[in-house]
């Protein structure tokens, strides 16, 4: 066994291919050809003198050696990434941070509060990118992320910012034409679906309305992927939308939308602040996190 370190490029290729369990997916992430991926894996296997992948017509799987090797290489790559990011931070300034967050969180809450953020952290240069679903910091440029996830203590590198409390909101004009005096009256309006979580309305209605023997059934209008889209549709009189309370706050305070019964639904989800270990002690990250926490939980 040679005493020198394995080639770094081969190690990086192995980590991506093992994480994706696909040479073609690894090639796309690393912006190289599939042949280049195979060549790097073969180089590493020759160096280690044992196979890391089992190859078959149906795809690839890790050998026992590959399964043992992967967590060590993943941690090593994260350490290298963290050390590099720390040095780059010293060049670009300690308050230059990249935040990846959901479009609704940015559009409905953070962007309208940038003036408050500027006052609290005048030296912060925040670069925002959008995304949704699970976030992997490995190989990504973001220093921190915000995601809506099921309430759990097991989300990696995450801290709960605020629980998701959904409000049924409707335009005042629509309400004038069809008043809502009790929960059952909600069904006289069309409901706007959240397409990535279509169960939300069913769960909300089960909490507030007993439909047994009433003959009433929900009527749905258009469906939307993001809360900011549903909120705008509600503002335009398209129906009732379920929107997180802190995202609906500005529209409710301005009178553009109304929560006619003042009712709410705790969805079992929450908005989490995600930060990798190599960023967790950064002063700018910590200050931004505490500003988020205070601003999100301030009284309406």
C-alpha atoms as a PDB file:
ATOM      1  CA  UNK A   1       0.000   0.000   0.000  1.00  0.00           C
ATOM      2  CA  UNK A   2       1.564   3.345  -1.005  1.00  0.00           C
ATOM      3  CA  UNK A   3       2.269   5.721   1.896  1.00  0.00           C
ATOM      4  CA  UNK A   4       1.193   8.918   0.103  1.00  0.00           C
ATOM      5  CA  UNK A   5      -2.362  10.258   0.141  1.00  0.00           C
ATOM      6  CA  UNK A   6      -4.853   9.145  -2.530  1.00  0.00           C
ATOM      7  CA  UNK A   7      -5.484  11.659  -5.351  1.00  0.00           C
ATOM      8  CA  UNK A   8      -7.833  14.371  -4.045  1.00  0.00           C
ATOM      9  CA  UNK A   9      -9.825  14.501  -7.294  1.00  0.00           C
ATOM     10  CA  UNK A  10     -10.450  10.752  -7.104  1.00  0.00           C
ATOM     11  CA  UNK A  11     -11.633  11.081  -3.499  1.00  0.00           C
ATOM     12  CA  UNK A  12     -14.007  13.890  -4.396  1.00  0.00           C
ATOM     13  CA  UNK A  13     -15.347  11.852  -7.325  1.00  0.00           C
ATOM     14  CA  UNK A  14     -15.875   8.841  -5.059  1.00  0.00           C
ATOM     15  CA  UNK A  15     -17.780  10.907  -2.464  1.00  0.00           C
ATOM     16  CA  UNK A  16     -20.203  12.296  -5.056  1.00  0.00           C
ATOM     17  CA  UNK A  17     -20.691   8.980  -6.876  1.00  0.00           C
ATOM     18  CA  UNK A  18     -21.230   7.119  -3.587  1.00  0.00           C
ATOM     19  CA  UNK A  19     -23.698   9.730  -2.352  1.00  0.00           C
ATOM     20  CA  UNK A  20     -25.639   9.664  -5.634  1.00  0.00           C
ATOM     21  CA  UNK A  21     -25.119   5.938  -6.322  1.00  0.00           C
ATOM     22  CA  UNK A  22     -24.882   6.929  -9.967  1.00  0.00           C
ATOM     23  CA  UNK A  23     -21.877   7.699 -12.168  1.00  0.00           C
ATOM     24  CA  UNK A  24     -24.061   9.736 -14.539  1.00  0.00           C
ATOM     25  CA  UNK A  25     -25.504  11.843 -11.705  1.00  0.00           C
ATOM     26  CA  UNK A  26     -21.986  12.372 -10.342  1.00  0.00           C
ATOM     27  CA  UNK A  27     -20.858  13.475 -13.800  1.00  0.00           C
ATOM     28  CA  UNK A  28     -23.644  16.076 -13.911  1.00  0.00           C
ATOM     29  CA  UNK A  29     -22.799  17.428 -10.441  1.00  0.00           C
ATOM     30  CA  UNK A  30     -19.085  17.647 -11.193  1.00  0.00           C
ATOM     31  CA  UNK A  31     -19.597  18.883 -14.781  1.00  0.00           C
ATOM     32  CA  UNK A  32     -17.464  16.142 -16.347  1.00  0.00           C
ATOM     33  CA  UNK A  33     -18.157  13.138 -18.544  1.00  0.00           C
ATOM     34  CA  UNK A  34     -19.305   9.797 -17.196  1.00  0.00           C
ATOM     35  CA  UNK A  35     -16.099   8.326 -18.591  1.00  0.00           C
ATOM     36  CA  UNK A  36     -14.071  10.730 -16.452  1.00  0.00           C
ATOM     37  CA  UNK A  37     -15.979   9.584 -13.385  1.00  0.00           C
ATOM     38  CA  UNK A  38     -15.268   5.924 -14.162  1.00  0.00           C
ATOM     39  CA  UNK A  39     -11.589   6.694 -14.713  1.00  0.00           C
ATOM     40  CA  UNK A  40     -11.237   8.461 -11.349  1.00  0.00           C
ATOM     41  CA  UNK A  41     -13.037   5.651  -9.505  1.00  0.00           C
ATOM     42  CA  UNK A  42     -10.793   3.048 -11.164  1.00  0.00           C
ATOM     43  CA  UNK A  43      -7.743   5.115 -10.174  1.00  0.00           C
ATOM     44  CA  UNK A  44      -8.851   5.167  -6.531  1.00  0.00           C
ATOM     45  CA  UNK A  45      -9.719   1.449  -6.524  1.00  0.00           C
ATOM     46  CA  UNK A  46      -6.282   0.658  -7.935  1.00  0.00           C
ATOM     47  CA  UNK A  47      -4.695   2.807  -5.245  1.00  0.00           C
ATOM     48  CA  UNK A  48      -6.687   1.054  -2.491  1.00  0.00           C
ATOM     49  CA  UNK A  49      -6.249  -2.351  -4.144  1.00  0.00           C
ATOM     50  CA  UNK A  50      -9.921  -3.229  -3.697  1.00  0.00           C
ATOM     51  CA  UNK A  51     -13.236  -2.394  -5.367  1.00  0.00           C
ATOM     52  CA  UNK A  52     -15.462   0.329  -3.932  1.00  0.00           C
ATOM     53  CA  UNK A  53     -18.484  -0.307  -6.174  1.00  0.00           C
ATOM     54  CA  UNK A  54     -20.300  -3.349  -7.474  1.00  0.00           C
ATOM     55  CA  UNK A  55     -21.288  -2.700 -11.069  1.00  0.00           C
ATOM     56  CA  UNK A  56     -24.238  -4.366 -12.800  1.00  0.00           C
ATOM     57  CA  UNK A  57     -26.631  -3.696 -15.674  1.00  0.00           C
ATOM     58  CA  UNK A  58     -29.109  -2.191 -13.187  1.00  0.00           C
ATOM     59  CA  UNK A  59     -26.615   0.312 -11.762  1.00  0.00           C
ATOM     60  CA  UNK A  60     -23.995   0.543  -9.028  1.00  0.00           C
ATOM     61  CA  UNK A  61     -23.949  -0.264  -5.311  1.00  0.00           C
ATOM     62  CA  UNK A  62     -21.261   0.221  -2.701  1.00  0.00           C
ATOM     63  CA  UNK A  63     -19.144  -2.722  -1.674  1.00  0.00           C
ATOM     64  CA  UNK A  64     -18.569  -3.277   2.039  1.00  0.00           C
ATOM     65  CA  UNK A  65     -15.264  -1.439   1.666  1.00  0.00           C
ATOM     66  CA  UNK A  66     -17.041   1.457  -0.051  1.00  0.00           C
ATOM     67  CA  UNK A  67     -19.644   1.662   2.728  1.00  0.00           C
ATOM     68  CA  UNK A  68     -16.899   1.805   5.358  1.00  0.00           C
ATOM     69  CA  UNK A  69     -14.874   4.374   3.411  1.00  0.00           C
ATOM     70  CA  UNK A  70     -17.674   6.828   2.546  1.00  0.00           C
ATOM     71  CA  UNK A  71     -18.393   8.454   5.952  1.00  0.00           C
ATOM     72  CA  UNK A  72     -14.684   9.134   6.547  1.00  0.00           C
ATOM     73  CA  UNK A  73     -14.232  10.692   3.110  1.00  0.00           C
ATOM     74  CA  UNK A  74     -17.435  12.753   3.486  1.00  0.00           C
ATOM     75  CA  UNK A  75     -16.205  14.208   6.783  1.00  0.00           C
ATOM     76  CA  UNK A  76     -12.777  14.897   5.308  1.00  0.00           C
ATOM     77  CA  UNK A  77     -14.272  16.709   2.305  1.00  0.00           C
ATOM     78  CA  UNK A  78     -16.498  18.766   4.623  1.00  0.00           C
ATOM     79  CA  UNK A  79     -13.454  19.700   6.716  1.00  0.00           C
ATOM     80  CA  UNK A  80     -11.579  20.829   3.612  1.00  0.00           C
ATOM     81  CA  UNK A  81     -14.602  22.797   2.418  1.00  0.00           C
ATOM     82  CA  UNK A  82     -14.978  24.434   5.829  1.00  0.00           C
ATOM     83  CA  UNK A  83     -11.312  25.419   6.045  1.00  0.00           C
ATOM     84  CA  UNK A  84     -11.464  26.857   2.534  1.00  0.00           C
ATOM     85  CA  UNK A  85     -14.654  28.773   3.267  1.00  0.00           C
ATOM     86  CA  UNK A  86     -13.095  30.199   6.441  1.00  0.00           C
ATOM     87  CA  UNK A  87     -10.114  31.544   4.530  1.00  0.00           C
ATOM     88  CA  UNK A  88     -12.326  32.928   1.770  1.00  0.00           C
ATOM     89  CA  UNK A  89     -14.415  34.644   4.398  1.00  0.00           C
ATOM     90  CA  UNK A  90     -11.341  36.457   5.683  1.00  0.00           C
ATOM     91  CA  UNK A  91     -10.788  37.780   2.154  1.00  0.00           C
ATOM     92  CA  UNK A  92     -14.364  38.841   1.434  1.00  0.00           C
ATOM     93  CA  UNK A  93     -15.189  40.129   4.917  1.00  0.00           C
ATOM     94  CA  UNK A  94     -16.775  38.464   7.931  1.00  0.00           C
ATOM     95  CA  UNK A  95     -20.278  39.718   7.127  1.00  0.00           C
ATOM     96  CA  UNK A  96     -20.543  38.419   3.548  1.00  0.00           C
ATOM     97  CA  UNK A  97     -22.998  35.496   3.712  1.00  0.00           C
ATOM     98  CA  UNK A  98     -25.024  33.399   1.261  1.00  0.00           C
ATOM     99  CA  UNK A  99     -28.543  32.360   2.325  1.00  0.00           C
ATOM    100  CA  UNK A 100     -30.594  29.759   0.465  1.00  0.00           C
ATOM    101  CA  UNK A 101     -34.276  29.968   1.405  1.00  0.00           C
ATOM    102  CA  UNK A 102     -37.740  29.112   0.183  1.00  0.00           C
ATOM    103  CA  UNK A 103     -39.293  31.613  -2.259  1.00  0.00           C
ATOM    104  CA  UNK A 104     -42.299  32.319  -0.024  1.00  0.00           C
ATOM    105  CA  UNK A 105     -40.128  33.050   3.009  1.00  0.00           C
ATOM    106  CA  UNK A 106     -38.110  35.560   1.000  1.00  0.00           C
ATOM    107  CA  UNK A 107     -40.983  37.185  -0.928  1.00  0.00           C
ATOM    108  CA  UNK A 108     -43.552  37.430   1.844  1.00  0.00           C
ATOM    109  CA  UNK A 109     -41.385  37.996   4.890  1.00  0.00           C
ATOM    110  CA  UNK A 110     -37.644  38.605   4.546  1.00  0.00           C
ATOM    111  CA  UNK A 111     -37.493  41.022   1.606  1.00  0.00           C
ATOM    112  CA  UNK A 112     -40.138  43.347   3.145  1.00  0.00           C
ATOM    113  CA  UNK A 113     -37.946  43.447   6.299  1.00  0.00           C
ATOM    114  CA  UNK A 114     -34.585  44.141   4.689  1.00  0.00           C
ATOM    115  CA  UNK A 115     -34.658  47.720   5.989  1.00  0.00           C
ATOM    116  CA  UNK A 116     -34.982  46.345   9.544  1.00  0.00           C
ATOM    117  CA  UNK A 117     -32.146  43.904   8.864  1.00  0.00           C
ATOM    118  CA  UNK A 118     -29.939  46.688   7.465  1.00  0.00           C
ATOM    119  CA  UNK A 119     -30.507  48.705  10.636  1.00  0.00           C
ATOM    120  CA  UNK A 120     -29.717  45.752  12.898  1.00  0.00           C
ATOM    121  CA  UNK A 121     -26.730  44.499  10.851  1.00  0.00           C
ATOM    122  CA  UNK A 122     -25.455  47.392   8.706  1.00  0.00           C
ATOM    123  CA  UNK A 123     -22.238  45.553   7.801  1.00  0.00           C
ATOM    124  CA  UNK A 124     -24.015  42.435   6.520  1.00  0.00           C
ATOM    125  CA  UNK A 125     -23.832  41.700   2.811  1.00  0.00           C
ATOM    126  CA  UNK A 126     -26.486  39.028   2.304  1.00  0.00           C
ATOM    127  CA  UNK A 127     -26.734  37.150  -0.993  1.00  0.00           C
ATOM    128  CA  UNK A 128     -29.972  35.214  -1.340  1.00  0.00           C
ATOM    129  CA  UNK A 129     -30.687  32.194  -3.516  1.00  0.00           C
ATOM    130  CA  UNK A 130     -33.944  30.252  -3.616  1.00  0.00           C
ATOM    131  CA  UNK A 131     -34.659  26.579  -3.101  1.00  0.00           C
ATOM    132  CA  UNK A 132     -37.035  24.128  -1.497  1.00  0.00           C
ATOM    133  CA  UNK A 133     -36.911  20.623  -0.060  1.00  0.00           C
ATOM    134  CA  UNK A 134     -33.900  18.974   1.562  1.00  0.00           C
ATOM    135  CA  UNK A 135     -30.665  20.987   1.450  1.00  0.00           C
ATOM    136  CA  UNK A 136     -27.171  19.509   1.236  1.00  0.00           C
ATOM    137  CA  UNK A 137     -24.333  21.863   2.160  1.00  0.00           C
ATOM    138  CA  UNK A 138     -21.752  19.479   0.722  1.00  0.00           C
ATOM    139  CA  UNK A 139     -20.597  21.073  -2.521  1.00  0.00           C
ATOM    140  CA  UNK A 140     -23.036  24.004  -2.189  1.00  0.00           C
ATOM    141  CA  UNK A 141     -22.175  27.691  -1.955  1.00  0.00           C
ATOM    142  CA  UNK A 142     -24.678  28.649   0.763  1.00  0.00           C
ATOM    143  CA  UNK A 143     -23.483  29.437   4.287  1.00  0.00           C
ATOM    144  CA  UNK A 144     -26.956  28.861   5.726  1.00  0.00           C
ATOM    145  CA  UNK A 145     -30.455  27.870   4.615  1.00  0.00           C
ATOM    146  CA  UNK A 146     -34.088  28.164   5.709  1.00  0.00           C
ATOM    147  CA  UNK A 147     -36.495  25.300   5.066  1.00  0.00           C
ATOM    148  CA  UNK A 148     -40.044  24.270   5.981  1.00  0.00           C
ATOM    149  CA  UNK A 149     -39.813  20.760   7.449  1.00  0.00           C
ATOM    150  CA  UNK A 150     -41.915  18.417   9.597  1.00  0.00           C
ATOM    151  CA  UNK A 151     -41.409  19.186  13.290  1.00  0.00           C
ATOM    152  CA  UNK A 152     -38.616  16.922  14.476  1.00  0.00           C
ATOM    153  CA  UNK A 153     -35.494  16.890  16.621  1.00  0.00           C
ATOM    154  CA  UNK A 154     -33.606  14.829  14.033  1.00  0.00           C
ATOM    155  CA  UNK A 155     -33.053  17.370  11.231  1.00  0.00           C
ATOM    156  CA  UNK A 156     -29.303  17.606  10.752  1.00  0.00           C
ATOM    157  CA  UNK A 157     -27.567  20.924  11.503  1.00  0.00           C
ATOM    158  CA  UNK A 158     -30.915  22.664  12.053  1.00  0.00           C
ATOM    159  CA  UNK A 159     -32.648  24.842  14.648  1.00  0.00           C
ATOM    160  CA  UNK A 160     -36.370  25.584  14.734  1.00  0.00           C
ATOM    161  CA  UNK A 161     -37.137  29.254  14.066  1.00  0.00           C
ATOM    162  CA  UNK A 162     -40.929  29.166  14.271  1.00  0.00           C
ATOM    163  CA  UNK A 163     -43.688  26.584  14.099  1.00  0.00           C
ATOM    164  CA  UNK A 164     -45.987  26.787  11.091  1.00  0.00           C
ATOM    165  CA  UNK A 165     -49.403  28.149  12.072  1.00  0.00           C
ATOM    166  CA  UNK A 166     -51.726  28.388   9.055  1.00  0.00           C
ATOM    167  CA  UNK A 167     -54.470  30.986   8.694  1.00  0.00           C
ATOM    168  CA  UNK A 168     -57.385  30.908   6.220  1.00  0.00           C
ATOM    169  CA  UNK A 169     -57.219  34.274   4.439  1.00  0.00           C
ATOM    170  CA  UNK A 170     -59.611  35.811   1.909  1.00  0.00           C
ATOM    171  CA  UNK A 171     -60.031  39.175   0.188  1.00  0.00           C
ATOM    172  CA  UNK A 172     -62.463  41.662   1.828  1.00  0.00           C
ATOM    173  CA  UNK A 173     -64.301  42.076  -1.495  1.00  0.00           C
ATOM    174  CA  UNK A 174     -64.994  38.358  -1.763  1.00  0.00           C
ATOM    175  CA  UNK A 175     -66.066  38.328   1.873  1.00  0.00           C
ATOM    176  CA  UNK A 176     -68.602  41.096   1.260  1.00  0.00           C
ATOM    177  CA  UNK A 177     -70.287  39.020  -1.446  1.00  0.00           C
ATOM    178  CA  UNK A 178     -70.282  35.842   0.649  1.00  0.00           C
ATOM    179  CA  UNK A 179     -69.879  36.499   4.402  1.00  0.00           C
ATOM    180  CA  UNK A 180     -68.310  33.965   6.739  1.00  0.00           C
ATOM    181  CA  UNK A 181     -69.886  33.764  10.203  1.00  0.00           C
ATOM    182  CA  UNK A 182     -68.920  30.194  11.190  1.00  0.00           C
ATOM    183  CA  UNK A 183     -66.418  27.588   9.962  1.00  0.00           C
ATOM    184  CA  UNK A 184     -69.005  25.861   7.761  1.00  0.00           C
ATOM    185  CA  UNK A 185     -69.344  29.112   5.771  1.00  0.00           C
ATOM    186  CA  UNK A 186     -65.786  28.601   4.529  1.00  0.00           C
ATOM    187  CA  UNK A 187     -67.195  25.976   2.172  1.00  0.00           C
ATOM    188  CA  UNK A 188     -69.265  28.610   0.359  1.00  0.00           C
ATOM    189  CA  UNK A 189     -65.944  29.787  -1.095  1.00  0.00           C
ATOM    190  CA  UNK A 190     -63.491  28.009  -3.356  1.00  0.00           C
ATOM    191  CA  UNK A 191     -60.347  26.818  -1.602  1.00  0.00           C
ATOM    192  CA  UNK A 192     -56.879  27.366  -3.064  1.00  0.00           C
ATOM    193  CA  UNK A 193     -54.770  24.199  -3.021  1.00  0.00           C
ATOM    194  CA  UNK A 194     -51.139  23.985  -1.964  1.00  0.00           C
ATOM    195  CA  UNK A 195     -49.943  21.459  -4.556  1.00  0.00           C
ATOM    196  CA  UNK A 196     -46.830  20.229  -2.733  1.00  0.00           C
ATOM    197  CA  UNK A 197     -48.849  19.562   0.442  1.00  0.00           C
ATOM    198  CA  UNK A 198     -52.402  18.916  -0.797  1.00  0.00           C
ATOM    199  CA  UNK A 199     -53.448  17.435   2.564  1.00  0.00           C
ATOM    200  CA  UNK A 200     -53.412  20.825   4.314  1.00  0.00           C
ATOM    201  CA  UNK A 201     -57.026  21.781   3.603  1.00  0.00           C
ATOM    202  CA  UNK A 202     -58.330  18.342   4.546  1.00  0.00           C
ATOM    203  CA  UNK A 203     -56.495  18.482   7.869  1.00  0.00           C
ATOM    204  CA  UNK A 204     -57.637  22.033   8.531  1.00  0.00           C
ATOM    205  CA  UNK A 205     -61.276  21.245   7.794  1.00  0.00           C
ATOM    206  CA  UNK A 206     -61.202  18.114   9.962  1.00  0.00           C
ATOM    207  CA  UNK A 207     -60.166  20.269  12.907  1.00  0.00           C
ATOM    208  CA  UNK A 208     -62.800  22.962  12.454  1.00  0.00           C
ATOM    209  CA  UNK A 209     -65.798  21.414  10.683  1.00  0.00           C
ATOM    210  CA  UNK A 210     -67.799  18.254  11.241  1.00  0.00           C
ATOM    211  CA  UNK A 211     -69.158  17.524   7.763  1.00  0.00           C
ATOM    212  CA  UNK A 212     -71.121  14.468   8.869  1.00  0.00           C
ATOM    213  CA  UNK A 213     -74.683  14.736   7.534  1.00  0.00           C
ATOM    214  CA  UNK A 214     -74.244  18.299   6.243  1.00  0.00           C
ATOM    215  CA  UNK A 215     -74.066  17.439   2.535  1.00  0.00           C
ATOM    216  CA  UNK A 216     -71.292  20.046   2.150  1.00  0.00           C
ATOM    217  CA  UNK A 217     -68.087  19.232   0.305  1.00  0.00           C
ATOM    218  CA  UNK A 218     -65.039  21.439  -0.278  1.00  0.00           C
ATOM    219  CA  UNK A 219     -64.772  23.100  -3.689  1.00  0.00           C
ATOM    220  CA  UNK A 220     -61.258  23.724  -4.909  1.00  0.00           C
ATOM    221  CA  UNK A 221     -60.001  26.360  -7.308  1.00  0.00           C
ATOM    222  CA  UNK A 222     -56.473  26.639  -8.732  1.00  0.00           C
ATOM    223  CA  UNK A 223     -53.494  24.954  -7.080  1.00  0.00           C
ATOM    224  CA  UNK A 224     -50.163  26.618  -6.325  1.00  0.00           C
ATOM    225  CA  UNK A 225     -46.709  25.340  -5.439  1.00  0.00           C
ATOM    226  CA  UNK A 226     -45.732  28.172  -3.083  1.00  0.00           C
ATOM    227  CA  UNK A 227     -47.457  30.194  -0.370  1.00  0.00           C
ATOM    228  CA  UNK A 228     -46.609  33.501  -2.053  1.00  0.00           C
ATOM    229  CA  UNK A 229     -48.544  32.365  -5.135  1.00  0.00           C
ATOM    230  CA  UNK A 230     -51.556  31.284  -3.060  1.00  0.00           C
ATOM    231  CA  UNK A 231     -51.525  34.570  -1.155  1.00  0.00           C
ATOM    232  CA  UNK A 232     -51.542  36.601  -4.351  1.00  0.00           C
ATOM    233  CA  UNK A 233     -54.400  34.505  -5.747  1.00  0.00           C
ATOM    234  CA  UNK A 234     -56.374  35.129  -2.544  1.00  0.00           C
ATOM    235  CA  UNK A 235     -55.617  38.846  -2.826  1.00  0.00           C
ATOM    236  CA  UNK A 236     -57.043  38.742  -6.358  1.00  0.00           C
ATOM    237  CA  UNK A 237     -60.285  37.195  -5.072  1.00  0.00           C
ATOM    238  CA  UNK A 238     -59.701  33.656  -6.362  1.00  0.00           C
ATOM    239  CA  UNK A 239     -60.661  31.962  -3.096  1.00  0.00           C
ATOM    240  CA  UNK A 240     -59.421  31.218   0.407  1.00  0.00           C
ATOM    241  CA  UNK A 241     -55.751  30.359   0.950  1.00  0.00           C
ATOM    242  CA  UNK A 242     -54.005  28.756   3.899  1.00  0.00           C
ATOM    243  CA  UNK A 243     -50.947  30.880   4.663  1.00  0.00           C
ATOM    244  CA  UNK A 244     -48.430  30.791   7.562  1.00  0.00           C
ATOM    245  CA  UNK A 245     -49.329  33.511  10.051  1.00  0.00           C
ATOM    246  CA  UNK A 246     -46.030  35.396   9.833  1.00  0.00           C
ATOM    247  CA  UNK A 247     -46.169  35.405   6.014  1.00  0.00           C
ATOM    248  CA  UNK A 248     -49.749  36.714   6.021  1.00  0.00           C
ATOM    249  CA  UNK A 249     -49.030  39.362   8.677  1.00  0.00           C
ATOM    250  CA  UNK A 250     -48.373  42.290   6.327  1.00  0.00           C
ATOM    251  CA  UNK A 251     -51.412  41.618   4.114  1.00  0.00           C
ATOM    252  CA  UNK A 252     -53.642  41.258   7.187  1.00  0.00           C
ATOM    253  CA  UNK A 253     -52.346  44.452   8.789  1.00  0.00           C
ATOM    254  CA  UNK A 254     -52.868  46.419   5.563  1.00  0.00           C
ATOM    255  CA  UNK A 255     -56.411  45.055   5.196  1.00  0.00           C
ATOM    256  CA  UNK A 256     -55.680  43.463   1.808  1.00  0.00           C
ATOM    257  CA  UNK A 257     -56.659  40.088   3.284  1.00  0.00           C
ATOM    258  CA  UNK A 258     -58.822  38.996   6.201  1.00  0.00           C
ATOM    259  CA  UNK A 259     -58.852  35.996   8.522  1.00  0.00           C
ATOM    260  CA  UNK A 260     -62.649  36.150   8.896  1.00  0.00           C
ATOM    261  CA  UNK A 261     -63.025  33.943  11.979  1.00  0.00           C
ATOM    262  CA  UNK A 262     -59.629  34.494  13.579  1.00  0.00           C
ATOM    263  CA  UNK A 263     -59.012  30.746  13.503  1.00  0.00           C
ATOM    264  CA  UNK A 264     -55.774  28.901  12.837  1.00  0.00           C
ATOM    265  CA  UNK A 265     -54.266  25.456  12.337  1.00  0.00           C
ATOM    266  CA  UNK A 266     -50.930  24.120  13.609  1.00  0.00           C
ATOM    267  CA  UNK A 267     -49.728  21.998  10.718  1.00  0.00           C
ATOM    268  CA  UNK A 268     -47.002  19.960  12.417  1.00  0.00           C
ATOM    269  CA  UNK A 269     -44.373  21.694  10.269  1.00  0.00           C
ATOM    270  CA  UNK A 270     -41.895  24.398  11.159  1.00  0.00           C
ATOM    271  CA  UNK A 271     -39.374  26.736   9.562  1.00  0.00           C
ATOM    272  CA  UNK A 272     -35.809  25.698  10.366  1.00  0.00           C
ATOM    273  CA  UNK A 273     -32.491  27.518  10.207  1.00  0.00           C
ATOM    274  CA  UNK A 274     -29.846  25.217   8.763  1.00  0.00           C
ATOM    275  CA  UNK A 275     -26.122  25.852   9.044  1.00  0.00           C
ATOM    276  CA  UNK A 276     -23.189  23.456   8.519  1.00  0.00           C
ATOM    277  CA  UNK A 277     -20.837  22.828  11.476  1.00  0.00           C
ATOM    278  CA  UNK A 278     -18.004  24.855   9.966  1.00  0.00           C
ATOM    279  CA  UNK A 279     -20.282  27.933   9.881  1.00  0.00           C
ATOM    280  CA  UNK A 280     -22.110  27.481  13.194  1.00  0.00           C
ATOM    281  CA  UNK A 281     -19.727  29.641  15.253  1.00  0.00           C
ATOM    282  CA  UNK A 282     -19.433  32.415  12.699  1.00  0.00           C
ATOM    283  CA  UNK A 283     -20.352  35.739  14.303  1.00  0.00           C
ATOM    284  CA  UNK A 284     -22.359  36.986  11.342  1.00  0.00           C
ATOM    285  CA  UNK A 285     -24.315  33.731  11.087  1.00  0.00           C
ATOM    286  CA  UNK A 286     -25.108  33.807  14.799  1.00  0.00           C
ATOM    287  CA  UNK A 287     -26.187  37.455  14.728  1.00  0.00           C
ATOM    288  CA  UNK A 288     -28.402  36.871  11.690  1.00  0.00           C
ATOM    289  CA  UNK A 289     -29.958  33.795  13.325  1.00  0.00           C
ATOM    290  CA  UNK A 290     -30.862  35.728  16.484  1.00  0.00           C
ATOM    291  CA  UNK A 291     -32.275  38.591  14.423  1.00  0.00           C
ATOM    292  CA  UNK A 292     -34.457  36.086  12.536  1.00  0.00           C
ATOM    293  CA  UNK A 293     -35.616  34.493  15.771  1.00  0.00           C
ATOM    294  CA  UNK A 294     -36.574  37.814  17.356  1.00  0.00           C
ATOM    295  CA  UNK A 295     -38.277  39.207  14.243  1.00  0.00           C
ATOM    296  CA  UNK A 296     -40.275  36.058  13.530  1.00  0.00           C
ATOM    297  CA  UNK A 297     -41.553  35.756  17.083  1.00  0.00           C
ATOM    298  CA  UNK A 298     -42.373  39.406  17.723  1.00  0.00           C
ATOM    299  CA  UNK A 299     -46.044  40.062  18.573  1.00  0.00           C
ATOM    300  CA  UNK A 300     -48.295  40.578  15.539  1.00  0.00           C
END
